[in-house]
Amino acid sequence: MGFLPKNPADLIGRADKALGNVDDVLGRVDGTLDEVAATLAKVQEVLTLLDAKLGALDKVDAIADQVNALHESTLPSR
């Protein structure tokens, strides 16, 4: 058989090299996943800030109504 080397040590050497390559690729994938996790954490932080700002915007109409009512209460009666 031409696929398998006659010397078992060669087969072990090839398998070891292949496993080393797989290990390198998995290391790069792990590093990339760490970067993705860090980016997602930043995105979550920004979304939390946005949510807080949108919550404040929801109060603008009510505050504007209160300011208008206060202003109208200070006007002289006709």
Protein backbone atom coordinates (compact mmCIF):
# COMPACT_ATOMS: atom_id res chain seq x y z
CA MET A 1 0.00 0.00 0.00
CA GLY A 2 1.42 3.33 -1.04
CA PHE A 3 -0.59 5.41 1.42
CA LEU A 4 0.87 4.01 4.60
CA PRO A 5 4.61 4.23 5.11
CA LYS A 6 6.44 0.97 5.72
CA ASN A 7 8.07 2.38 8.81
CA PRO A 8 5.60 2.85 11.71
CA ALA A 9 7.77 5.69 13.01
CA ASP A 10 7.04 7.62 9.80
CA LEU A 11 3.33 7.11 10.33
CA ILE A 12 3.62 8.33 13.91
CA GLY A 13 5.67 11.32 12.73
CA ARG A 14 3.05 12.27 10.13
CA ALA A 15 0.24 11.87 12.64
CA ASP A 16 2.15 13.99 15.17
CA LYS A 17 2.71 16.72 12.57
CA ALA A 18 -0.97 16.65 11.60
CA LEU A 19 -2.03 16.88 15.24
CA GLY A 20 0.39 19.78 15.72
CA ASN A 21 -1.23 21.58 12.79
CA VAL A 22 -4.68 20.95 14.23
CA ASP A 23 -3.49 22.24 17.60
CA ASP A 24 -2.18 25.44 15.96
CA VAL A 25 -5.47 26.00 14.16
CA LEU A 26 -7.46 25.40 17.34
CA GLY A 27 -5.22 27.89 19.14
CA ARG A 28 -5.96 30.52 16.50
CA VAL A 29 -9.68 29.75 16.70
CA ASP A 30 -9.55 30.09 20.47
CA GLY A 31 -7.82 33.46 20.14
CA THR A 32 -10.43 34.60 17.64
CA LEU A 33 -13.25 33.50 19.94
CA ASP A 34 -11.66 35.48 22.77
CA GLU A 35 -11.62 38.57 20.53
CA VAL A 36 -15.25 37.97 19.56
CA ALA A 37 -16.21 37.65 23.22
CA ALA A 38 -14.46 40.94 24.04
CA THR A 39 -16.19 42.67 21.13
CA LEU A 40 -19.57 41.31 22.19
CA ALA A 41 -18.96 42.59 25.72
CA LYS A 42 -18.28 46.08 24.30
CA VAL A 43 -21.42 45.87 22.16
CA GLN A 44 -23.46 44.87 25.20
CA GLU A 45 -22.05 47.84 27.10
CA VAL A 46 -23.00 50.23 24.29
CA LEU A 47 -26.47 48.71 24.04
CA THR A 48 -26.95 49.15 27.79
CA LEU A 49 -25.99 52.84 27.49
CA LEU A 50 -28.34 53.24 24.54
CA ASP A 51 -31.16 51.62 26.45
CA ALA A 52 -30.63 54.05 29.32
CA LYS A 53 -30.66 57.01 26.94
CA LEU A 54 -33.79 55.77 25.22
CA GLY A 55 -35.41 55.39 28.62
CA ALA A 56 -34.61 59.03 29.33
CA LEU A 57 -36.11 60.04 25.99
CA ASP A 58 -39.33 58.32 26.98
CA LYS A 59 -39.61 60.83 29.84
CA VAL A 60 -39.19 63.92 27.62
CA ASP A 61 -42.89 64.20 26.70
CA ALA A 62 -44.01 63.93 30.31
CA ILE A 63 -41.44 66.51 31.42
CA ALA A 64 -42.42 68.86 28.57
CA ASP A 65 -46.07 68.58 29.62
CA GLN A 66 -45.13 69.41 33.22
CA VAL A 67 -43.06 72.41 32.12
CA ASN A 68 -45.91 73.67 29.93
CA ALA A 69 -48.39 73.23 32.78
CA LEU A 70 -46.07 75.10 35.16
CA HIS A 71 -45.58 77.88 32.62
CA GLU A 72 -49.31 78.20 32.03
CA SER A 73 -49.92 78.33 35.78
CA THR A 74 -47.63 81.35 36.07
CA LEU A 75 -49.40 83.32 33.34
CA PRO A 76 -51.85 85.98 34.49
CA SER A 77 -55.50 84.93 34.26
CA ARG A 78 -57.57 86.53 31.57
